Amino acid sequence: MEQHVFLQYIRYEKRFSEHTIRAYEQDLVQFHDFLKTTYALASASEVEYLHIRGWILHLLSQKIGQRSIRRKLSALKTYFRLLLREGLVAQNPMLKVTIPKHGKRLPAIVQEQEITLLLDQTEWSADYSEQRNRLLLELLYATGMRRAELISLRLASVDFGRLVLRVSGKGNKERLIPFSNSLGRLLQQYLECRQATFPNPDSDHLLLTDKGKPLYPKLVYNIVHRYLSLVTTAEQRSPHVLRHSFATHLSDQGADLNAIKELLGHANLAATQIYTHNSVEKLRRIYQQAHPKATLHQE
């Protein structure tokens, strides 16, 4: 019952993404299984902070990474805060639990020359699947949108008059993303191919599968991974890497951080600031390679 209330809360009130909801649900199941097995506890009202600390130690013993542990504790933090609000627990055991900090990792990106090789120097056939794949890659890199946002695009999302895309982001927050004339021509070309291939499709989604159905997350991942594998040896080759590349390349070229924030659909500037670190690292590499005195600062 407690878990059901929580899942309803994060889905309809907090409007978390389906990905986050599934992750939090799995975290809660694991947590309650641990409580039942280790402490014979059956209700959240019985949980004390020492039980949570015990779970942390258990996760560490299972070699669970710090980022995963932080997410699981974040789920518990939201969970117990809601239960306290609803009067389902008398106290919040998370108040005494310190969530471990972790060092920031720079976002993985694809280099500009690799992007150019893929998008501008690749031969694309005229069949529907390749036209769709090309547009899919172009949209992810040219707009920085998330995979879920790409999948949810409708035909009506494209405004050719103003050259903008209407994108529905996290929490159903809508934003407008401008696109170039060249991307506009690619969109028109794709739409002609789409109409010829599926004269009367069942869906008004912009991008369709080879059977005329809406795209799904795994297919988008597979497409991006396959094409990025042609031009880069980077370990990460996911749709989100193209989003990171979009933001980093804008930052490298001096784009205003607040503008990047709006384009990405971030709720606050702190989430965007990580892309400036990539730019600083790029400047550092250039300095160390080119400046005569740079070696004096290296061990």
C-alpha atoms as a PDB file:
ATOM      1  CA  MET A   1       0.000   0.000   0.000  1.00  0.00           C
ATOM      2  CA  GLU A   2       2.810   2.432   0.930  1.00  0.00           C
ATOM      3  CA  GLN A   3       4.692   1.706  -2.285  1.00  0.00           C
ATOM      4  CA  HIS A   4       1.520   2.156  -4.347  1.00  0.00           C
ATOM      5  CA  VAL A   5       0.933   5.593  -2.790  1.00  0.00           C
ATOM      6  CA  PHE A   6       4.530   6.557  -3.541  1.00  0.00           C
ATOM      7  CA  LEU A   7       4.411   5.432  -7.172  1.00  0.00           C
ATOM      8  CA  GLN A   8       1.159   7.335  -7.716  1.00  0.00           C
ATOM      9  CA  TYR A   9       2.796  10.406  -6.161  1.00  0.00           C
ATOM     10  CA  ILE A  10       5.915  10.435  -8.351  1.00  0.00           C
ATOM     11  CA  ARG A  11       3.921   9.612 -11.490  1.00  0.00           C
ATOM     12  CA  TYR A  12       1.037  12.070 -11.213  1.00  0.00           C
ATOM     13  CA  GLU A  13       2.169  14.744  -8.759  1.00  0.00           C
ATOM     14  CA  LYS A  14       5.929  14.916  -9.298  1.00  0.00           C
ATOM     15  CA  ARG A  15       5.596  13.826 -12.958  1.00  0.00           C
ATOM     16  CA  PHE A  16       8.839  11.879 -12.966  1.00  0.00           C
ATOM     17  CA  SER A  17       9.837  10.166 -16.188  1.00  0.00           C
ATOM     18  CA  GLU A  18       8.839   6.527 -16.706  1.00  0.00           C
ATOM     19  CA  HIS A  19      12.506   5.594 -16.583  1.00  0.00           C
ATOM     20  CA  THR A  20      12.896   7.175 -13.121  1.00  0.00           C
ATOM     21  CA  ILE A  21       9.631   5.651 -11.905  1.00  0.00           C
ATOM     22  CA  ARG A  22      10.758   2.156 -12.888  1.00  0.00           C
ATOM     23  CA  ALA A  23      14.156   2.688 -11.253  1.00  0.00           C
ATOM     24  CA  TYR A  24      12.611   3.981  -8.003  1.00  0.00           C
ATOM     25  CA  GLU A  25      10.094   1.125  -7.964  1.00  0.00           C
ATOM     26  CA  GLN A  26      12.897  -1.414  -8.308  1.00  0.00           C
ATOM     27  CA  ASP A  27      14.889   0.350  -5.579  1.00  0.00           C
ATOM     28  CA  LEU A  28      11.934   0.163  -3.183  1.00  0.00           C
ATOM     29  CA  VAL A  29      11.358  -3.509  -3.915  1.00  0.00           C
ATOM     30  CA  GLN A  30      15.031  -4.245  -3.187  1.00  0.00           C
ATOM     31  CA  PHE A  31      14.914  -2.161  -0.001  1.00  0.00           C
ATOM     32  CA  HIS A  32      11.806  -3.867   1.371  1.00  0.00           C
ATOM     33  CA  ASP A  33      13.137  -7.315   0.447  1.00  0.00           C
ATOM     34  CA  PHE A  34      16.286  -6.497   2.418  1.00  0.00           C
ATOM     35  CA  LEU A  35      14.257  -5.295   5.423  1.00  0.00           C
ATOM     36  CA  LYS A  36      12.120  -8.430   5.419  1.00  0.00           C
ATOM     37  CA  THR A  37      15.037 -10.824   4.985  1.00  0.00           C
ATOM     38  CA  THR A  38      17.509  -9.144   7.324  1.00  0.00           C
ATOM     39  CA  TYR A  39      15.364  -7.495   9.999  1.00  0.00           C
ATOM     40  CA  ALA A  40      11.957  -9.218   9.578  1.00  0.00           C
ATOM     41  CA  LEU A  41      10.325  -5.824   9.022  1.00  0.00           C
ATOM     42  CA  ALA A  42       7.113  -5.678   7.002  1.00  0.00           C
ATOM     43  CA  SER A  43       6.153  -1.990   7.182  1.00  0.00           C
ATOM     44  CA  ALA A  44       7.866   1.321   6.462  1.00  0.00           C
ATOM     45  CA  SER A  45       6.608   2.610   9.817  1.00  0.00           C
ATOM     46  CA  GLU A  46       9.049   0.212  11.557  1.00  0.00           C
ATOM     47  CA  VAL A  47      12.128   1.475   9.701  1.00  0.00           C
ATOM     48  CA  GLU A  48      14.841   3.343  11.601  1.00  0.00           C
ATOM     49  CA  TYR A  49      17.938   4.999  10.225  1.00  0.00           C
ATOM     50  CA  LEU A  50      20.137   2.109  11.399  1.00  0.00           C
ATOM     51  CA  HIS A  51      18.177  -0.210   9.102  1.00  0.00           C
ATOM     52  CA  ILE A  52      18.946   2.102   6.177  1.00  0.00           C
ATOM     53  CA  ARG A  53      22.611   2.251   7.138  1.00  0.00           C
ATOM     54  CA  GLY A  54      22.575  -1.540   7.161  1.00  0.00           C
ATOM     55  CA  TRP A  55      21.190  -1.517   3.630  1.00  0.00           C
ATOM     56  CA  ILE A  56      23.958   0.840   2.512  1.00  0.00           C
ATOM     57  CA  LEU A  57      26.580  -1.523   3.908  1.00  0.00           C
ATOM     58  CA  HIS A  58      24.846  -4.411   2.162  1.00  0.00           C
ATOM     59  CA  LEU A  59      24.908  -2.549  -1.171  1.00  0.00           C
ATOM     60  CA  LEU A  60      28.595  -1.739  -0.745  1.00  0.00           C
ATOM     61  CA  SER A  61      29.344  -5.398  -0.001  1.00  0.00           C
ATOM     62  CA  GLN A  62      27.584  -6.281  -3.275  1.00  0.00           C
ATOM     63  CA  LYS A  63      29.971  -3.947  -5.147  1.00  0.00           C
ATOM     64  CA  ILE A  64      27.130  -1.589  -6.106  1.00  0.00           C
ATOM     65  CA  GLY A  65      28.549   1.661  -7.487  1.00  0.00           C
ATOM     66  CA  GLN A  66      28.307   4.957  -5.632  1.00  0.00           C
ATOM     67  CA  ARG A  67      26.105   6.536  -8.281  1.00  0.00           C
ATOM     68  CA  SER A  68      23.585   3.693  -7.986  1.00  0.00           C
ATOM     69  CA  ILE A  69      23.623   3.906  -4.188  1.00  0.00           C
ATOM     70  CA  ARG A  70      23.017   7.649  -4.343  1.00  0.00           C
ATOM     71  CA  ARG A  71      20.026   7.102  -6.600  1.00  0.00           C
ATOM     72  CA  LYS A  72      18.585   4.446  -4.309  1.00  0.00           C
ATOM     73  CA  LEU A  73      18.956   6.729  -1.295  1.00  0.00           C
ATOM     74  CA  SER A  74      17.421   9.574  -3.258  1.00  0.00           C
ATOM     75  CA  ALA A  75      14.422   7.317  -3.890  1.00  0.00           C
ATOM     76  CA  LEU A  76      14.168   6.588  -0.147  1.00  0.00           C
ATOM     77  CA  LYS A  77      14.463  10.289   0.667  1.00  0.00           C
ATOM     78  CA  THR A  78      11.482  11.107  -1.556  1.00  0.00           C
ATOM     79  CA  TYR A  79       9.619   8.018  -0.317  1.00  0.00           C
ATOM     80  CA  PHE A  80       9.860   8.746   3.410  1.00  0.00           C
ATOM     81  CA  ARG A  81       9.197  12.447   2.953  1.00  0.00           C
ATOM     82  CA  LEU A  82       5.891  11.557   1.293  1.00  0.00           C
ATOM     83  CA  LEU A  83       4.971   8.940   3.902  1.00  0.00           C
ATOM     84  CA  LEU A  84       5.591  11.479   6.666  1.00  0.00           C
ATOM     85  CA  ARG A  85       3.405  14.019   4.869  1.00  0.00           C
ATOM     86  CA  GLU A  86       0.615  11.466   4.503  1.00  0.00           C
ATOM     87  CA  GLY A  87       0.880  10.376   8.146  1.00  0.00           C
ATOM     88  CA  LEU A  88       1.944   6.848   7.209  1.00  0.00           C
ATOM     89  CA  VAL A  89       5.105   7.074   9.331  1.00  0.00           C
ATOM     90  CA  ALA A  90       5.721   8.924  12.589  1.00  0.00           C
ATOM     91  CA  GLN A  91       9.247  10.064  11.703  1.00  0.00           C
ATOM     92  CA  ASN A  92      11.557  10.271   8.713  1.00  0.00           C
ATOM     93  CA  PRO A  93      14.511   7.877   9.211  1.00  0.00           C
ATOM     94  CA  MET A  94      16.331   9.436   6.252  1.00  0.00           C
ATOM     95  CA  LEU A  95      17.026  12.620   8.232  1.00  0.00           C
ATOM     96  CA  LYS A  96      19.965  10.927   9.964  1.00  0.00           C
ATOM     97  CA  VAL A  97      21.305   9.307   6.794  1.00  0.00           C
ATOM     98  CA  THR A  98      24.051  11.103   4.894  1.00  0.00           C
ATOM     99  CA  ILE A  99      24.006  10.480   1.168  1.00  0.00           C
ATOM    100  CA  PRO A 100      27.620   9.901   0.075  1.00  0.00           C
ATOM    101  CA  LYS A 101      29.062  12.471  -2.287  1.00  0.00           C
ATOM    102  CA  HIS A 102      30.751  11.473  -5.495  1.00  0.00           C
ATOM    103  CA  GLY A 103      33.130  13.208  -7.815  1.00  0.00           C
ATOM    104  CA  LYS A 104      31.669  14.711 -10.954  1.00  0.00           C
ATOM    105  CA  ARG A 105      32.376  12.815 -14.131  1.00  0.00           C
ATOM    106  CA  LEU A 106      32.696  14.783 -17.319  1.00  0.00           C
ATOM    107  CA  PRO A 107      29.975  13.916 -19.829  1.00  0.00           C
ATOM    108  CA  ALA A 108      31.033  11.548 -22.596  1.00  0.00           C
ATOM    109  CA  ILE A 109      30.921  13.218 -26.008  1.00  0.00           C
ATOM    110  CA  VAL A 110      31.586  12.551 -29.669  1.00  0.00           C
ATOM    111  CA  GLN A 111      34.222  14.823 -31.228  1.00  0.00           C
ATOM    112  CA  GLU A 112      33.130  17.409 -33.786  1.00  0.00           C
ATOM    113  CA  GLN A 113      35.132  15.785 -36.586  1.00  0.00           C
ATOM    114  CA  GLU A 114      33.479  12.431 -35.833  1.00  0.00           C
ATOM    115  CA  ILE A 115      30.039  14.019 -35.988  1.00  0.00           C
ATOM    116  CA  THR A 116      30.942  15.654 -39.297  1.00  0.00           C
ATOM    117  CA  LEU A 117      32.169  12.352 -40.686  1.00  0.00           C
ATOM    118  CA  LEU A 118      28.935  10.641 -39.714  1.00  0.00           C
ATOM    119  CA  LEU A 119      26.374  13.256 -40.704  1.00  0.00           C
ATOM    120  CA  ASP A 120      28.008  15.065 -43.619  1.00  0.00           C
ATOM    121  CA  GLN A 121      30.275  12.505 -45.256  1.00  0.00           C
ATOM    122  CA  THR A 122      28.153   9.359 -45.096  1.00  0.00           C
ATOM    123  CA  GLU A 123      26.238   8.085 -48.121  1.00  0.00           C
ATOM    124  CA  TRP A 124      22.558   7.637 -47.240  1.00  0.00           C
ATOM    125  CA  SER A 125      20.208   5.600 -49.389  1.00  0.00           C
ATOM    126  CA  ALA A 126      16.729   6.838 -50.310  1.00  0.00           C
ATOM    127  CA  ASP A 127      14.820   4.064 -48.516  1.00  0.00           C
ATOM    128  CA  TYR A 128      12.669   4.926 -45.536  1.00  0.00           C
ATOM    129  CA  SER A 129      14.755   3.350 -42.753  1.00  0.00           C
ATOM    130  CA  GLU A 130      17.955   5.176 -43.732  1.00  0.00           C
ATOM    131  CA  GLN A 131      16.148   8.499 -44.200  1.00  0.00           C
ATOM    132  CA  ARG A 132      14.622   8.080 -40.747  1.00  0.00           C
ATOM    133  CA  ASN A 133      17.921   7.068 -39.165  1.00  0.00           C
ATOM    134  CA  ARG A 134      19.694  10.057 -40.663  1.00  0.00           C
ATOM    135  CA  LEU A 135      17.028  12.468 -39.412  1.00  0.00           C
ATOM    136  CA  LEU A 136      17.014  10.805 -35.990  1.00  0.00           C
ATOM    137  CA  LEU A 137      20.756  11.353 -35.595  1.00  0.00           C
ATOM    138  CA  GLU A 138      20.570  14.901 -36.938  1.00  0.00           C
ATOM    139  CA  LEU A 139      17.729  15.804 -34.556  1.00  0.00           C
ATOM    140  CA  LEU A 140      19.493  14.438 -31.477  1.00  0.00           C
ATOM    141  CA  TYR A 141      22.717  16.281 -32.236  1.00  0.00           C
ATOM    142  CA  ALA A 142      21.245  19.496 -33.675  1.00  0.00           C
ATOM    143  CA  THR A 143      18.732  20.049 -30.857  1.00  0.00           C
ATOM    144  CA  GLY A 144      20.143  18.223 -27.819  1.00  0.00           C
ATOM    145  CA  MET A 145      16.748  16.733 -27.032  1.00  0.00           C
ATOM    146  CA  ARG A 146      16.369  13.644 -24.865  1.00  0.00           C
ATOM    147  CA  ARG A 147      15.513  10.232 -26.302  1.00  0.00           C
ATOM    148  CA  ALA A 148      12.000  10.322 -24.805  1.00  0.00           C
ATOM    149  CA  GLU A 149      11.455  13.788 -26.252  1.00  0.00           C
ATOM    150  CA  LEU A 150      12.501  12.577 -29.693  1.00  0.00           C
ATOM    151  CA  ILE A 151      10.119   9.615 -29.530  1.00  0.00           C
ATOM    152  CA  SER A 152       7.213  11.839 -28.482  1.00  0.00           C
ATOM    153  CA  LEU A 153       7.590  14.276 -31.406  1.00  0.00           C
ATOM    154  CA  ARG A 154       4.435  14.580 -33.516  1.00  0.00           C
ATOM    155  CA  LEU A 155       3.978  15.932 -37.028  1.00  0.00           C
ATOM    156  CA  ALA A 156       2.467  19.044 -35.471  1.00  0.00           C
ATOM    157  CA  SER A 157       5.638  19.527 -33.392  1.00  0.00           C
ATOM    158  CA  VAL A 158       7.442  20.915 -36.456  1.00  0.00           C
ATOM    159  CA  ASP A 159       6.873  24.585 -37.274  1.00  0.00           C
ATOM    160  CA  PHE A 160       8.485  25.210 -40.650  1.00  0.00           C
ATOM    161  CA  GLY A 161       7.348  28.844 -40.679  1.00  0.00           C
ATOM    162  CA  ARG A 162       9.362  29.773 -37.602  1.00  0.00           C
ATOM    163  CA  LEU A 163      11.914  26.937 -37.922  1.00  0.00           C
ATOM    164  CA  VAL A 164      11.265  25.635 -34.404  1.00  0.00           C
ATOM    165  CA  LEU A 165      10.394  22.301 -32.820  1.00  0.00           C
ATOM    166  CA  ARG A 166       7.851  22.141 -30.027  1.00  0.00           C
ATOM    167  CA  VAL A 167       9.275  19.665 -27.521  1.00  0.00           C
ATOM    168  CA  SER A 168       7.558  18.195 -24.452  1.00  0.00           C
ATOM    169  CA  GLY A 169      10.193  17.653 -21.755  1.00  0.00           C
ATOM    170  CA  LYS A 170      10.296  16.352 -18.203  1.00  0.00           C
ATOM    171  CA  GLY A 171       7.160  17.099 -16.221  1.00  0.00           C
ATOM    172  CA  ASN A 172       5.385  17.857 -19.526  1.00  0.00           C
ATOM    173  CA  LYS A 173       7.186  21.192 -19.665  1.00  0.00           C
ATOM    174  CA  GLU A 174       7.139  22.460 -23.221  1.00  0.00           C
ATOM    175  CA  ARG A 175       9.962  24.350 -24.886  1.00  0.00           C
ATOM    176  CA  LEU A 176      10.768  25.604 -28.372  1.00  0.00           C
ATOM    177  CA  ILE A 177      14.034  24.557 -30.015  1.00  0.00           C
ATOM    178  CA  PRO A 178      15.148  26.356 -33.194  1.00  0.00           C
ATOM    179  CA  PHE A 179      16.512  24.395 -36.135  1.00  0.00           C
ATOM    180  CA  SER A 180      18.529  25.375 -39.195  1.00  0.00           C
ATOM    181  CA  ASN A 181      17.429  25.655 -42.815  1.00  0.00           C
ATOM    182  CA  SER A 182      19.510  22.573 -43.659  1.00  0.00           C
ATOM    183  CA  LEU A 183      17.725  20.529 -40.984  1.00  0.00           C
ATOM    184  CA  GLY A 184      14.444  21.923 -42.292  1.00  0.00           C
ATOM    185  CA  ARG A 185      15.248  20.590 -45.768  1.00  0.00           C
ATOM    186  CA  LEU A 186      16.138  17.222 -44.270  1.00  0.00           C
ATOM    187  CA  LEU A 187      12.808  17.181 -42.415  1.00  0.00           C
ATOM    188  CA  GLN A 188      10.918  17.947 -45.632  1.00  0.00           C
ATOM    189  CA  GLN A 189      12.798  15.216 -47.461  1.00  0.00           C
ATOM    190  CA  TYR A 190      12.009  12.736 -44.715  1.00  0.00           C
ATOM    191  CA  LEU A 191       8.315  13.681 -44.622  1.00  0.00           C
ATOM    192  CA  GLU A 192       8.002  13.061 -48.350  1.00  0.00           C
ATOM    193  CA  CYS A 193       9.597   9.640 -47.889  1.00  0.00           C
ATOM    194  CA  ARG A 194       7.346   8.939 -44.886  1.00  0.00           C
ATOM    195  CA  GLN A 195       4.221   9.829 -46.854  1.00  0.00           C
ATOM    196  CA  ALA A 196       5.272   7.630 -49.787  1.00  0.00           C
ATOM    197  CA  THR A 197       6.083   4.698 -47.495  1.00  0.00           C
ATOM    198  CA  PHE A 198       3.088   5.041 -45.153  1.00  0.00           C
ATOM    199  CA  PRO A 199       0.250   6.876 -46.981  1.00  0.00           C
ATOM    200  CA  ASN A 200      -2.202   6.247 -44.118  1.00  0.00           C
ATOM    201  CA  PRO A 201      -0.235   5.525 -40.934  1.00  0.00           C
ATOM    202  CA  ASP A 202      -1.983   4.749 -37.654  1.00  0.00           C
ATOM    203  CA  SER A 203       0.185   7.250 -35.783  1.00  0.00           C
ATOM    204  CA  ASP A 204       0.919  10.965 -36.088  1.00  0.00           C
ATOM    205  CA  HIS A 205       4.349  10.512 -34.484  1.00  0.00           C
ATOM    206  CA  LEU A 206       7.048  12.175 -36.552  1.00  0.00           C
ATOM    207  CA  LEU A 207       9.435   9.211 -36.544  1.00  0.00           C
ATOM    208  CA  LEU A 208       8.094   5.728 -37.204  1.00  0.00           C
ATOM    209  CA  THR A 209       9.484   2.205 -37.199  1.00  0.00           C
ATOM    210  CA  ASP A 210       9.870   0.260 -40.423  1.00  0.00           C
ATOM    211  CA  LYS A 211       6.308  -1.002 -39.819  1.00  0.00           C
ATOM    212  CA  GLY A 212       4.807   2.452 -39.391  1.00  0.00           C
ATOM    213  CA  LYS A 213       4.527   2.334 -35.596  1.00  0.00           C
ATOM    214  CA  PRO A 214       5.899   4.868 -33.072  1.00  0.00           C
ATOM    215  CA  LEU A 215       9.565   4.454 -32.150  1.00  0.00           C
ATOM    216  CA  TYR A 216      10.483   2.824 -28.845  1.00  0.00           C
ATOM    217  CA  PRO A 217      13.538   3.469 -26.591  1.00  0.00           C
ATOM    218  CA  LYS A 218      15.533   0.330 -27.399  1.00  0.00           C
ATOM    219  CA  LEU A 219      15.246   0.902 -31.150  1.00  0.00           C
ATOM    220  CA  VAL A 220      16.488   4.492 -30.820  1.00  0.00           C
ATOM    221  CA  TYR A 221      19.414   3.301 -28.702  1.00  0.00           C
ATOM    222  CA  ASN A 222      20.310   0.576 -31.207  1.00  0.00           C
ATOM    223  CA  ILE A 223      20.228   2.990 -34.140  1.00  0.00           C
ATOM    224  CA  VAL A 224      22.458   5.537 -32.414  1.00  0.00           C
ATOM    225  CA  HIS A 225      24.868   2.909 -31.103  1.00  0.00           C
ATOM    226  CA  ARG A 226      25.212   1.304 -34.537  1.00  0.00           C
ATOM    227  CA  TYR A 227      25.985   4.541 -36.363  1.00  0.00           C
ATOM    228  CA  LEU A 228      28.270   6.006 -33.710  1.00  0.00           C
ATOM    229  CA  SER A 229      30.241   2.753 -33.789  1.00  0.00           C
ATOM    230  CA  LEU A 230      31.180   3.614 -37.376  1.00  0.00           C
ATOM    231  CA  VAL A 231      33.007   6.814 -36.412  1.00  0.00           C
ATOM    232  CA  THR A 232      34.155   6.571 -32.795  1.00  0.00           C
ATOM    233  CA  THR A 233      35.811   4.099 -30.453  1.00  0.00           C
ATOM    234  CA  ALA A 234      34.378   5.854 -27.385  1.00  0.00           C
ATOM    235  CA  GLU A 235      32.943   3.452 -24.844  1.00  0.00           C
ATOM    236  CA  GLN A 236      29.622   5.273 -24.562  1.00  0.00           C
ATOM    237  CA  ARG A 237      27.598   5.505 -27.779  1.00  0.00           C
ATOM    238  CA  SER A 238      24.089   6.225 -26.577  1.00  0.00           C
ATOM    239  CA  PRO A 239      21.506   8.865 -27.574  1.00  0.00           C
ATOM    240  CA  HIS A 240      22.439  10.851 -24.466  1.00  0.00           C
ATOM    241  CA  VAL A 241      26.015  11.138 -25.731  1.00  0.00           C
ATOM    242  CA  LEU A 242      24.683  13.185 -28.653  1.00  0.00           C
ATOM    243  CA  ARG A 243      22.861  15.436 -26.165  1.00  0.00           C
ATOM    244  CA  HIS A 244      26.124  15.883 -24.232  1.00  0.00           C
ATOM    245  CA  SER A 245      27.953  16.590 -27.508  1.00  0.00           C
ATOM    246  CA  PHE A 246      25.380  19.214 -28.500  1.00  0.00           C
ATOM    247  CA  ALA A 247      25.801  21.102 -25.223  1.00  0.00           C
ATOM    248  CA  THR A 248      29.588  20.761 -25.059  1.00  0.00           C
ATOM    249  CA  HIS A 249      30.142  21.939 -28.628  1.00  0.00           C
ATOM    250  CA  LEU A 250      27.906  24.959 -27.993  1.00  0.00           C
ATOM    251  CA  SER A 251      29.902  25.761 -24.858  1.00  0.00           C
ATOM    252  CA  ASP A 252      33.200  25.327 -26.735  1.00  0.00           C
ATOM    253  CA  GLN A 253      32.044  27.913 -29.258  1.00  0.00           C
ATOM    254  CA  GLY A 254      31.221  30.429 -26.534  1.00  0.00           C
ATOM    255  CA  ALA A 255      27.444  30.006 -26.283  1.00  0.00           C
ATOM    256  CA  ASP A 256      25.817  31.619 -23.243  1.00  0.00           C
ATOM    257  CA  LEU A 257      25.269  29.082 -20.463  1.00  0.00           C
ATOM    258  CA  ASN A 258      21.712  30.264 -19.822  1.00  0.00           C
ATOM    259  CA  ALA A 259      20.886  29.775 -23.495  1.00  0.00           C
ATOM    260  CA  ILE A 260      22.258  26.198 -23.355  1.00  0.00           C
ATOM    261  CA  LYS A 261      20.164  25.624 -20.223  1.00  0.00           C
ATOM    262  CA  GLU A 262      16.986  26.685 -22.038  1.00  0.00           C
ATOM    263  CA  LEU A 263      17.776  24.586 -25.097  1.00  0.00           C
ATOM    264  CA  LEU A 264      18.386  21.499 -22.965  1.00  0.00           C
ATOM    265  CA  GLY A 265      15.286  22.071 -20.860  1.00  0.00           C
ATOM    266  CA  HIS A 266      17.186  22.004 -17.563  1.00  0.00           C
ATOM    267  CA  ALA A 267      15.278  23.185 -14.495  1.00  0.00           C
ATOM    268  CA  ASN A 268      18.297  25.012 -13.056  1.00  0.00           C
ATOM    269  CA  LEU A 269      21.691  26.249 -14.157  1.00  0.00           C
ATOM    270  CA  ALA A 270      23.625  23.834 -11.941  1.00  0.00           C
ATOM    271  CA  ALA A 271      22.728  20.924 -14.218  1.00  0.00           C
ATOM    272  CA  THR A 272      24.125  22.814 -17.211  1.00  0.00           C
ATOM    273  CA  GLN A 273      27.380  23.973 -15.657  1.00  0.00           C
ATOM    274  CA  ILE A 274      29.043  20.593 -16.092  1.00  0.00           C
ATOM    275  CA  TYR A 275      29.429  21.344 -19.796  1.00  0.00           C
ATOM    276  CA  THR A 276      31.748  24.257 -18.998  1.00  0.00           C
ATOM    277  CA  HIS A 277      34.132  21.740 -17.401  1.00  0.00           C
ATOM    278  CA  ASN A 278      34.566  20.000 -20.734  1.00  0.00           C
ATOM    279  CA  SER A 279      35.444  23.356 -22.296  1.00  0.00           C
ATOM    280  CA  VAL A 280      37.981  24.095 -19.553  1.00  0.00           C
ATOM    281  CA  GLU A 281      39.566  20.677 -20.070  1.00  0.00           C
ATOM    282  CA  LYS A 282      39.829  21.386 -23.792  1.00  0.00           C
ATOM    283  CA  LEU A 283      41.581  24.694 -23.093  1.00  0.00           C
ATOM    284  CA  ARG A 284      43.887  22.950 -20.633  1.00  0.00           C
ATOM    285  CA  ARG A 285      44.918  20.378 -23.250  1.00  0.00           C
ATOM    286  CA  ILE A 286      45.572  23.087 -25.820  1.00  0.00           C
ATOM    287  CA  TYR A 287      47.644  25.032 -23.299  1.00  0.00           C
ATOM    288  CA  GLN A 288      49.703  22.015 -22.289  1.00  0.00           C
ATOM    289  CA  GLN A 289      50.357  21.069 -25.902  1.00  0.00           C
ATOM    290  CA  ALA A 290      51.153  24.533 -27.219  1.00  0.00           C
ATOM    291  CA  HIS A 291      52.571  26.818 -24.533  1.00  0.00           C
ATOM    292  CA  PRO A 292      56.365  26.749 -23.992  1.00  0.00           C
ATOM    293  CA  LYS A 293      55.995  27.058 -20.218  1.00  0.00           C
ATOM    294  CA  ALA A 294      53.224  24.483 -19.865  1.00  0.00           C
ATOM    295  CA  THR A 295      55.633  21.683 -18.937  1.00  0.00           C
ATOM    296  CA  LEU A 296      56.692  23.642 -15.857  1.00  0.00           C
ATOM    297  CA  HIS A 297      53.249  23.108 -14.385  1.00  0.00           C
ATOM    298  CA  GLN A 298      53.236  19.374 -14.917  1.00  0.00           C
ATOM    299  CA  GLU A 299      54.696  16.807 -12.563  1.00  0.00           C
END
